[in-house]
């Protein structure tokens, strides 16, 4: 099987990507394309993000640092609300 590779830019990072072929349910692909368009993103960028998140979840990886940072900021901003909700 012959696969082609190229260098692309995602999220301000340069990475080599490899072209591949696969199959998916039509409805699922339509939904991913719609979400990508709604976010103004390319289909392949959304697919790449989904694959990264799936692999991280399967490996039991820790949350991404930016997720932790947002959670900490939210807790700091809304501490009293969270305390009331916990009662």
PDB file of N, CA and C in Angstrom:
ATOM      1  N   UNK A   1       0.845  -1.182   0.000  1.00  0.00           N
ATOM      2  CA  UNK A   1       0.000   0.000   0.000  1.00  0.00           C
ATOM      3  C   UNK A   1       0.887   1.241   0.000  1.00  0.00           C
ATOM      4  N   UNK A   2       0.606   2.139  -0.871  1.00  0.00           N
ATOM      5  CA  UNK A   2       1.364   3.377  -0.996  1.00  0.00           C
ATOM      6  C   UNK A   2       0.637   4.474  -0.229  1.00  0.00           C
ATOM      7  N   UNK A   3       1.330   5.132   0.654  1.00  0.00           N
ATOM      8  CA  UNK A   3       0.747   6.230   1.432  1.00  0.00           C
ATOM      9  C   UNK A   3       1.581   7.476   1.197  1.00  0.00           C
ATOM     10  N   UNK A   4       0.913   8.593   1.091  1.00  0.00           N
ATOM     11  CA  UNK A   4       1.634   9.847   0.904  1.00  0.00           C
ATOM     12  C   UNK A   4       1.642  10.618   2.213  1.00  0.00           C
ATOM     13  N   UNK A   5       2.681  11.390   2.422  1.00  0.00           N
ATOM     14  CA  UNK A   5       2.792  12.221   3.613  1.00  0.00           C
ATOM     15  C   UNK A   5       3.013  13.656   3.195  1.00  0.00           C
ATOM     16  N   UNK A   6       2.625  14.576   4.045  1.00  0.00           N
ATOM     17  CA  UNK A   6       2.863  15.992   3.792  1.00  0.00           C
ATOM     18  C   UNK A   6       2.904  16.718   5.110  1.00  0.00           C
ATOM     19  N   UNK A   7       3.434  17.921   5.081  1.00  0.00           N
ATOM     20  CA  UNK A   7       3.530  18.735   6.286  1.00  0.00           C
ATOM     21  C   UNK A   7       2.368  19.702   6.294  1.00  0.00           C
ATOM     22  N   UNK A   8       1.672  19.783   7.443  1.00  0.00           N
ATOM     23  CA  UNK A   8       0.521  20.670   7.568  1.00  0.00           C
ATOM     24  C   UNK A   8       0.645  21.469   8.854  1.00  0.00           C
ATOM     25  N   UNK A   9      -0.141  22.521   8.952  1.00  0.00           N
ATOM     26  CA  UNK A   9      -0.167  23.356  10.148  1.00  0.00           C
ATOM     27  C   UNK A   9      -1.506  23.154  10.857  1.00  0.00           C
ATOM     28  N   UNK A  10      -1.453  22.801  12.139  1.00  0.00           N
ATOM     29  CA  UNK A  10      -2.636  22.708  12.983  1.00  0.00           C
ATOM     30  C   UNK A  10      -2.318  23.402  14.293  1.00  0.00           C
ATOM     31  N   UNK A  11      -3.170  24.276  14.728  1.00  0.00           N
ATOM     32  CA  UNK A  11      -3.030  24.918  16.033  1.00  0.00           C
ATOM     33  C   UNK A  11      -1.627  25.468  16.252  1.00  0.00           C
ATOM     34  N   UNK A  12      -1.078  26.130  15.259  1.00  0.00           N
ATOM     35  CA  UNK A  12       0.242  26.756  15.345  1.00  0.00           C
ATOM     36  C   UNK A  12       1.380  25.755  15.517  1.00  0.00           C
ATOM     37  N   UNK A  13       1.149  24.496  15.185  1.00  0.00           N
ATOM     38  CA  UNK A  13       2.199  23.493  15.249  1.00  0.00           C
ATOM     39  C   UNK A  13       2.357  22.871  13.868  1.00  0.00           C
ATOM     40  N   UNK A  14       3.602  22.649  13.485  1.00  0.00           N
ATOM     41  CA  UNK A  14       3.860  21.975  12.224  1.00  0.00           C
ATOM     42  C   UNK A  14       3.994  20.491  12.505  1.00  0.00           C
ATOM     43  N   UNK A  15       3.306  19.682  11.718  1.00  0.00           N
ATOM     44  CA  UNK A  15       3.416  18.243  11.898  1.00  0.00           C
ATOM     45  C   UNK A  15       3.283  17.550  10.556  1.00  0.00           C
ATOM     46  N   UNK A  16       3.910  16.408  10.458  1.00  0.00           N
ATOM     47  CA  UNK A  16       3.793  15.603   9.260  1.00  0.00           C
ATOM     48  C   UNK A  16       2.534  14.771   9.380  1.00  0.00           C
ATOM     49  N   UNK A  17       1.742  14.770   8.336  1.00  0.00           N
ATOM     50  CA  UNK A  17       0.524  13.969   8.333  1.00  0.00           C
ATOM     51  C   UNK A  17       0.614  12.949   7.210  1.00  0.00           C
ATOM     52  N   UNK A  18      -0.100  11.866   7.384  1.00  0.00           N
ATOM     53  CA  UNK A  18      -0.094  10.802   6.390  1.00  0.00           C
ATOM     54  C   UNK A  18      -1.511  10.598   5.887  1.00  0.00           C
ATOM     55  N   UNK A  19      -1.655  10.538   4.604  1.00  0.00           N
ATOM     56  CA  UNK A  19      -2.942  10.307   3.986  1.00  0.00           C
ATOM     57  C   UNK A  19      -3.306   8.835   4.163  1.00  0.00           C
ATOM     58  N   UNK A  20      -4.574   8.566   4.482  1.00  0.00           N
ATOM     59  CA  UNK A  20      -5.031   7.189   4.617  1.00  0.00           C
ATOM     60  C   UNK A  20      -6.471   7.108   4.143  1.00  0.00           C
ATOM     61  N   UNK A  21      -6.938   5.903   3.995  1.00  0.00           N
ATOM     62  CA  UNK A  21      -8.301   5.691   3.542  1.00  0.00           C
ATOM     63  C   UNK A  21      -9.026   4.809   4.548  1.00  0.00           C
ATOM     64  N   UNK A  22     -10.271   5.130   4.810  1.00  0.00           N
ATOM     65  CA  UNK A  22     -11.077   4.336   5.715  1.00  0.00           C
ATOM     66  C   UNK A  22     -12.540   4.525   5.344  1.00  0.00           C
ATOM     67  N   UNK A  23     -13.412   3.969   6.137  1.00  0.00           N
ATOM     68  CA  UNK A  23     -14.839   4.103   5.904  1.00  0.00           C
ATOM     69  C   UNK A  23     -15.529   4.453   7.203  1.00  0.00           C
ATOM     70  N   UNK A  24     -16.654   5.157   7.100  1.00  0.00           N
ATOM     71  CA  UNK A  24     -17.464   5.499   8.263  1.00  0.00           C
ATOM     72  C   UNK A  24     -18.912   5.636   7.812  1.00  0.00           C
ATOM     73  N   UNK A  25     -19.807   5.603   8.768  1.00  0.00           N
ATOM     74  CA  UNK A  25     -21.228   5.772   8.449  1.00  0.00           C
ATOM     75  C   UNK A  25     -21.443   7.158   7.840  1.00  0.00           C
ATOM     76  N   UNK A  26     -22.274   7.221   6.839  1.00  0.00           N
ATOM     77  CA  UNK A  26     -22.557   8.483   6.146  1.00  0.00           C
ATOM     78  C   UNK A  26     -23.062   9.555   7.093  1.00  0.00           C
ATOM     79  N   UNK A  27     -23.960   9.175   8.005  1.00  0.00           N
ATOM     80  CA  UNK A  27     -24.541  10.139   8.937  1.00  0.00           C
ATOM     81  C   UNK A  27     -23.465  10.737   9.853  1.00  0.00           C
ATOM     82  N   UNK A  28     -22.530   9.889  10.281  1.00  0.00           N
ATOM     83  CA  UNK A  28     -21.460  10.355  11.154  1.00  0.00           C
ATOM     84  C   UNK A  28     -20.551  11.330  10.418  1.00  0.00           C
ATOM     85  N   UNK A  29     -20.176  10.987   9.202  1.00  0.00           N
ATOM     86  CA  UNK A  29     -19.335  11.891   8.410  1.00  0.00           C
ATOM     87  C   UNK A  29     -20.031  13.214   8.142  1.00  0.00           C
ATOM     88  N   UNK A  30     -21.322  13.149   7.842  1.00  0.00           N
ATOM     89  CA  UNK A  30     -22.092  14.378   7.613  1.00  0.00           C
ATOM     90  C   UNK A  30     -22.088  15.258   8.863  1.00  0.00           C
ATOM     91  N   UNK A  31     -22.243  14.632  10.031  1.00  0.00           N
ATOM     92  CA  UNK A  31     -22.251  15.384  11.280  1.00  0.00           C
ATOM     93  C   UNK A  31     -20.894  16.031  11.551  1.00  0.00           C
ATOM     94  N   UNK A  32     -19.816  15.283  11.305  1.00  0.00           N
ATOM     95  CA  UNK A  32     -18.475  15.837  11.521  1.00  0.00           C
ATOM     96  C   UNK A  32     -18.226  16.994  10.558  1.00  0.00           C
ATOM     97  N   UNK A  33     -18.622  16.835   9.315  1.00  0.00           N
ATOM     98  CA  UNK A  33     -18.454  17.928   8.338  1.00  0.00           C
ATOM     99  C   UNK A  33     -19.254  19.153   8.754  1.00  0.00           C
ATOM    100  N   UNK A  34     -20.472  18.950   9.241  1.00  0.00           N
ATOM    101  CA  UNK A  34     -21.314  20.077   9.682  1.00  0.00           C
ATOM    102  C   UNK A  34     -20.691  20.797  10.873  1.00  0.00           C
ATOM    103  N   UNK A  35     -20.195  20.024  11.839  1.00  0.00           N
ATOM    104  CA  UNK A  35     -19.555  20.633  13.006  1.00  0.00           C
ATOM    105  C   UNK A  35     -18.293  21.396  12.606  1.00  0.00           C
ATOM    106  N   UNK A  36     -17.512  20.822  11.711  1.00  0.00           N
ATOM    107  CA  UNK A  36     -16.297  21.499  11.249  1.00  0.00           C
ATOM    108  C   UNK A  36     -16.656  22.821  10.571  1.00  0.00           C
ATOM    109  N   UNK A  37     -17.661  22.790   9.714  1.00  0.00           N
ATOM    110  CA  UNK A  37     -18.076  24.010   9.013  1.00  0.00           C
ATOM    111  C   UNK A  37     -18.595  25.055   9.994  1.00  0.00           C
ATOM    112  N   UNK A  38     -19.366  24.614  10.978  1.00  0.00           N
ATOM    113  CA  UNK A  38     -19.921  25.546  11.961  1.00  0.00           C
ATOM    114  C   UNK A  38     -18.820  26.216  12.780  1.00  0.00           C
ATOM    115  N   UNK A  39     -17.719  25.501  12.980  1.00  0.00           N
ATOM    116  CA  UNK A  39     -16.594  26.051  13.741  1.00  0.00           C
ATOM    117  C   UNK A  39     -15.576  26.741  12.835  1.00  0.00           C
ATOM    118  N   UNK A  40     -15.828  26.736  11.517  1.00  0.00           N
ATOM    119  CA  UNK A  40     -14.895  27.362  10.589  1.00  0.00           C
ATOM    120  C   UNK A  40     -13.572  26.613  10.494  1.00  0.00           C
ATOM    121  N   UNK A  41     -13.635  25.305  10.675  1.00  0.00           N
ATOM    122  CA  UNK A  41     -12.425  24.481  10.661  1.00  0.00           C
ATOM    123  C   UNK A  41     -12.471  23.500   9.499  1.00  0.00           C
ATOM    124  N   UNK A  42     -11.331  22.959   9.172  1.00  0.00           N
ATOM    125  CA  UNK A  42     -11.254  21.948   8.127  1.00  0.00           C
ATOM    126  C   UNK A  42     -11.631  20.591   8.701  1.00  0.00           C
ATOM    127  N   UNK A  43     -12.232  19.764   7.862  1.00  0.00           N
ATOM    128  CA  UNK A  43     -12.654  18.426   8.265  1.00  0.00           C
ATOM    129  C   UNK A  43     -11.487  17.638   8.852  1.00  0.00           C
ATOM    130  N   UNK A  44     -10.341  17.668   8.182  1.00  0.00           N
ATOM    131  CA  UNK A  44      -9.203  16.873   8.647  1.00  0.00           C
ATOM    132  C   UNK A  44      -8.696  17.339  10.008  1.00  0.00           C
ATOM    133  N   UNK A  45      -8.826  18.625  10.325  1.00  0.00           N
ATOM    134  CA  UNK A  45      -8.407  19.118  11.636  1.00  0.00           C
ATOM    135  C   UNK A  45      -9.319  18.578  12.733  1.00  0.00           C
ATOM    136  N   UNK A  46     -10.619  18.534  12.455  1.00  0.00           N
ATOM    137  CA  UNK A  46     -11.580  18.006  13.423  1.00  0.00           C
ATOM    138  C   UNK A  46     -11.370  16.500  13.594  1.00  0.00           C
ATOM    139  N   UNK A  47     -11.143  15.795  12.510  1.00  0.00           N
ATOM    140  CA  UNK A  47     -10.886  14.362  12.578  1.00  0.00           C
ATOM    141  C   UNK A  47      -9.614  14.078  13.363  1.00  0.00           C
ATOM    142  N   UNK A  48      -8.570  14.844  13.126  1.00  0.00           N
ATOM    143  CA  UNK A  48      -7.314  14.681  13.852  1.00  0.00           C
ATOM    144  C   UNK A  48      -7.527  14.890  15.348  1.00  0.00           C
ATOM    145  N   UNK A  49      -8.264  15.950  15.702  1.00  0.00           N
ATOM    146  CA  UNK A  49      -8.552  16.224  17.113  1.00  0.00           C
ATOM    147  C   UNK A  49      -9.324  15.074  17.752  1.00  0.00           C
ATOM    148  N   UNK A  50     -10.305  14.548  17.036  1.00  0.00           N
ATOM    149  CA  UNK A  50     -11.104  13.439  17.555  1.00  0.00           C
ATOM    150  C   UNK A  50     -10.240  12.197  17.778  1.00  0.00           C
ATOM    151  N   UNK A  51      -9.345  11.916  16.849  1.00  0.00           N
ATOM    152  CA  UNK A  51      -8.466  10.758  16.999  1.00  0.00           C
ATOM    153  C   UNK A  51      -7.517  10.923  18.181  1.00  0.00           C
ATOM    154  N   UNK A  52      -6.962  12.116  18.349  1.00  0.00           N
ATOM    155  CA  UNK A  52      -6.067  12.373  19.481  1.00  0.00           C
ATOM    156  C   UNK A  52      -6.814  12.168  20.794  1.00  0.00           C
ATOM    157  N   UNK A  53      -8.016  12.729  20.900  1.00  0.00           N
ATOM    158  CA  UNK A  53      -8.793  12.589  22.128  1.00  0.00           C
ATOM    159  C   UNK A  53      -9.150  11.135  22.398  1.00  0.00           C
ATOM    160  N   UNK A  54      -9.485  10.366  21.367  1.00  0.00           N
ATOM    161  CA  UNK A  54      -9.826   8.958  21.525  1.00  0.00           C
ATOM    162  C   UNK A  54      -8.621   8.166  22.029  1.00  0.00           C
ATOM    163  N   UNK A  55      -7.462   8.405  21.421  1.00  0.00           N
ATOM    164  CA  UNK A  55      -6.245   7.697  21.837  1.00  0.00           C
ATOM    165  C   UNK A  55      -5.899   8.051  23.283  1.00  0.00           C
ATOM    166  N   UNK A  56      -5.977   9.327  23.637  1.00  0.00           N
ATOM    167  CA  UNK A  56      -5.682   9.743  25.017  1.00  0.00           C
ATOM    168  C   UNK A  56      -6.631   9.076  26.006  1.00  0.00           C
ATOM    169  N   UNK A  57      -7.908   9.013  25.656  1.00  0.00           N
ATOM    170  CA  UNK A  57      -8.897   8.392  26.536  1.00  0.00           C
ATOM    171  C   UNK A  57      -8.612   6.902  26.702  1.00  0.00           C
ATOM    172  N   UNK A  58      -8.267   6.226  25.608  1.00  0.00           N
ATOM    173  CA  UNK A  58      -7.967   4.792  25.662  1.00  0.00           C
ATOM    174  C   UNK A  58      -6.710   4.505  26.467  1.00  0.00           C
ATOM    175  N   UNK A  59      -5.741   5.393  26.401  1.00  0.00           N
ATOM    176  CA  UNK A  59      -4.501   5.215  27.152  1.00  0.00           C
ATOM    177  C   UNK A  59      -4.649   5.633  28.604  1.00  0.00           C
ATOM    178  N   UNK A  60      -5.773   6.248  28.930  1.00  0.00           N
ATOM    179  CA  UNK A  60      -5.970   6.728  30.289  1.00  0.00           C
ATOM    180  C   UNK A  60      -5.110   7.940  30.585  1.00  0.00           C
ATOM    181  N   UNK A  61      -4.825   8.704  29.556  1.00  0.00           N
ATOM    182  CA  UNK A  61      -3.959   9.869  29.699  1.00  0.00           C
ATOM    183  C   UNK A  61      -4.618  10.934  30.572  1.00  0.00           C
ATOM    184  N   UNK A  62      -3.795  11.736  31.177  1.00  0.00           N
ATOM    185  CA  UNK A  62      -4.269  12.848  31.998  1.00  0.00           C
ATOM    186  C   UNK A  62      -4.892  13.908  31.093  1.00  0.00           C
ATOM    187  N   UNK A  63      -5.793  14.713  31.645  1.00  0.00           N
ATOM    188  CA  UNK A  63      -6.373  15.803  30.849  1.00  0.00           C
ATOM    189  C   UNK A  63      -5.282  16.746  30.328  1.00  0.00           C
ATOM    190  N   UNK A  64      -5.566  17.354  29.202  1.00  0.00           N
ATOM    191  CA  UNK A  64      -4.609  18.297  28.617  1.00  0.00           C
ATOM    192  C   UNK A  64      -4.394  19.470  29.564  1.00  0.00           C
ATOM    193  N   UNK A  65      -3.191  20.030  29.580  1.00  0.00           N
ATOM    194  CA  UNK A  65      -2.886  21.147  30.491  1.00  0.00           C
ATOM    195  C   UNK A  65      -3.852  22.321  30.352  1.00  0.00           C
ATOM    196  N   UNK A  66      -4.288  22.639  29.132  1.00  0.00           N
ATOM    197  CA  UNK A  66      -5.204  23.773  28.976  1.00  0.00           C
ATOM    198  C   UNK A  66      -6.564  23.479  29.599  1.00  0.00           C
ATOM    199  N   UNK A  67      -6.981  22.219  29.634  1.00  0.00           N
ATOM    200  CA  UNK A  67      -8.241  21.851  30.275  1.00  0.00           C
ATOM    201  C   UNK A  67      -8.122  22.057  31.789  1.00  0.00           C
ATOM    202  N   UNK A  68      -7.010  21.604  32.356  1.00  0.00           N
ATOM    203  CA  UNK A  68      -6.763  21.789  33.786  1.00  0.00           C
ATOM    204  C   UNK A  68      -6.724  23.277  34.130  1.00  0.00           C
ATOM    205  N   UNK A  69      -6.069  24.074  33.302  1.00  0.00           N
ATOM    206  CA  UNK A  69      -5.976  25.517  33.550  1.00  0.00           C
ATOM    207  C   UNK A  69      -7.358  26.164  33.542  1.00  0.00           C
ATOM    208  N   UNK A  70      -8.208  25.788  32.582  1.00  0.00           N
ATOM    209  CA  UNK A  70      -9.567  26.342  32.527  1.00  0.00           C
ATOM    210  C   UNK A  70     -10.379  25.919  33.750  1.00  0.00           C
ATOM    211  N   UNK A  71     -10.227  24.668  34.168  1.00  0.00           N
ATOM    212  CA  UNK A  71     -10.959  24.187  35.345  1.00  0.00           C
ATOM    213  C   UNK A  71     -10.528  24.956  36.588  1.00  0.00           C
ATOM    214  N   UNK A  72      -9.233  25.133  36.763  1.00  0.00           N
ATOM    215  CA  UNK A  72      -8.737  25.875  37.927  1.00  0.00           C
ATOM    216  C   UNK A  72      -9.228  27.324  37.912  1.00  0.00           C
ATOM    217  N   UNK A  73      -9.226  27.945  36.748  1.00  0.00           N
ATOM    218  CA  UNK A  73      -9.698  29.328  36.640  1.00  0.00           C
ATOM    219  C   UNK A  73     -11.182  29.420  36.976  1.00  0.00           C
ATOM    220  N   UNK A  74     -11.959  28.432  36.508  1.00  0.00           N
ATOM    221  CA  UNK A  74     -13.389  28.419  36.792  1.00  0.00           C
ATOM    222  C   UNK A  74     -13.648  28.246  38.289  1.00  0.00           C
ATOM    223  N   UNK A  75     -12.892  27.356  38.913  1.00  0.00           N
ATOM    224  CA  UNK A  75     -13.054  27.138  40.349  1.00  0.00           C
ATOM    225  C   UNK A  75     -12.716  28.412  41.122  1.00  0.00           C
ATOM    226  N   UNK A  76     -11.640  29.074  40.732  1.00  0.00           N
ATOM    227  CA  UNK A  76     -11.244  30.307  41.408  1.00  0.00           C
ATOM    228  C   UNK A  76     -12.315  31.387  41.243  1.00  0.00           C
ATOM    229  N   UNK A  77     -12.873  31.501  40.051  1.00  0.00           N
ATOM    230  CA  UNK A  77     -13.873  32.535  39.763  1.00  0.00           C
ATOM    231  C   UNK A  77     -15.211  32.260  40.438  1.00  0.00           C
ATOM    232  N   UNK A  78     -15.592  30.978  40.495  1.00  0.00           N
ATOM    233  CA  UNK A  78     -16.945  30.634  40.930  1.00  0.00           C
ATOM    234  C   UNK A  78     -16.955  29.772  42.190  1.00  0.00           C
ATOM    235  N   UNK A  79     -15.943  29.917  43.039  1.00  0.00           N
ATOM    236  CA  UNK A  79     -15.815  29.075  44.231  1.00  0.00           C
ATOM    237  C   UNK A  79     -17.074  29.107  45.093  1.00  0.00           C
ATOM    238  N   UNK A  80     -17.621  30.295  45.362  1.00  0.00           N
ATOM    239  CA  UNK A  80     -18.803  30.378  46.240  1.00  0.00           C
ATOM    240  C   UNK A  80     -20.016  29.689  45.609  1.00  0.00           C
ATOM    241  N   UNK A  81     -20.176  29.809  44.316  1.00  0.00           N
ATOM    242  CA  UNK A  81     -21.278  29.128  43.633  1.00  0.00           C
ATOM    243  C   UNK A  81     -21.129  27.620  43.760  1.00  0.00           C
ATOM    244  N   UNK A  82     -19.932  27.110  43.537  1.00  0.00           N
ATOM    245  CA  UNK A  82     -19.696  25.667  43.643  1.00  0.00           C
ATOM    246  C   UNK A  82     -19.945  25.178  45.073  1.00  0.00           C
ATOM    247  N   UNK A  83     -19.561  25.984  46.046  1.00  0.00           N
ATOM    248  CA  UNK A  83     -19.801  25.594  47.447  1.00  0.00           C
ATOM    249  C   UNK A  83     -21.302  25.524  47.749  1.00  0.00           C
ATOM    250  N   UNK A  84     -22.066  26.471  47.219  1.00  0.00           N
ATOM    251  CA  UNK A  84     -23.515  26.453  47.419  1.00  0.00           C
ATOM    252  C   UNK A  84     -24.146  25.251  46.718  1.00  0.00           C
ATOM    253  N   UNK A  85     -23.697  24.949  45.523  1.00  0.00           N
ATOM    254  CA  UNK A  85     -24.246  23.811  44.778  1.00  0.00           C
ATOM    255  C   UNK A  85     -23.912  22.486  45.447  1.00  0.00           C
ATOM    256  N   UNK A  86     -22.802  22.425  46.158  1.00  0.00           N
ATOM    257  CA  UNK A  86     -22.391  21.186  46.813  1.00  0.00           C
ATOM    258  C   UNK A  86     -23.201  20.887  48.077  1.00  0.00           C
ATOM    259  N   UNK A  87     -23.925  21.867  48.570  1.00  0.00           N
ATOM    260  CA  UNK A  87     -24.709  21.663  49.809  1.00  0.00           C
ATOM    261  C   UNK A  87     -25.900  20.769  49.577  1.00  0.00           C
TER     262      UNK A  87
END
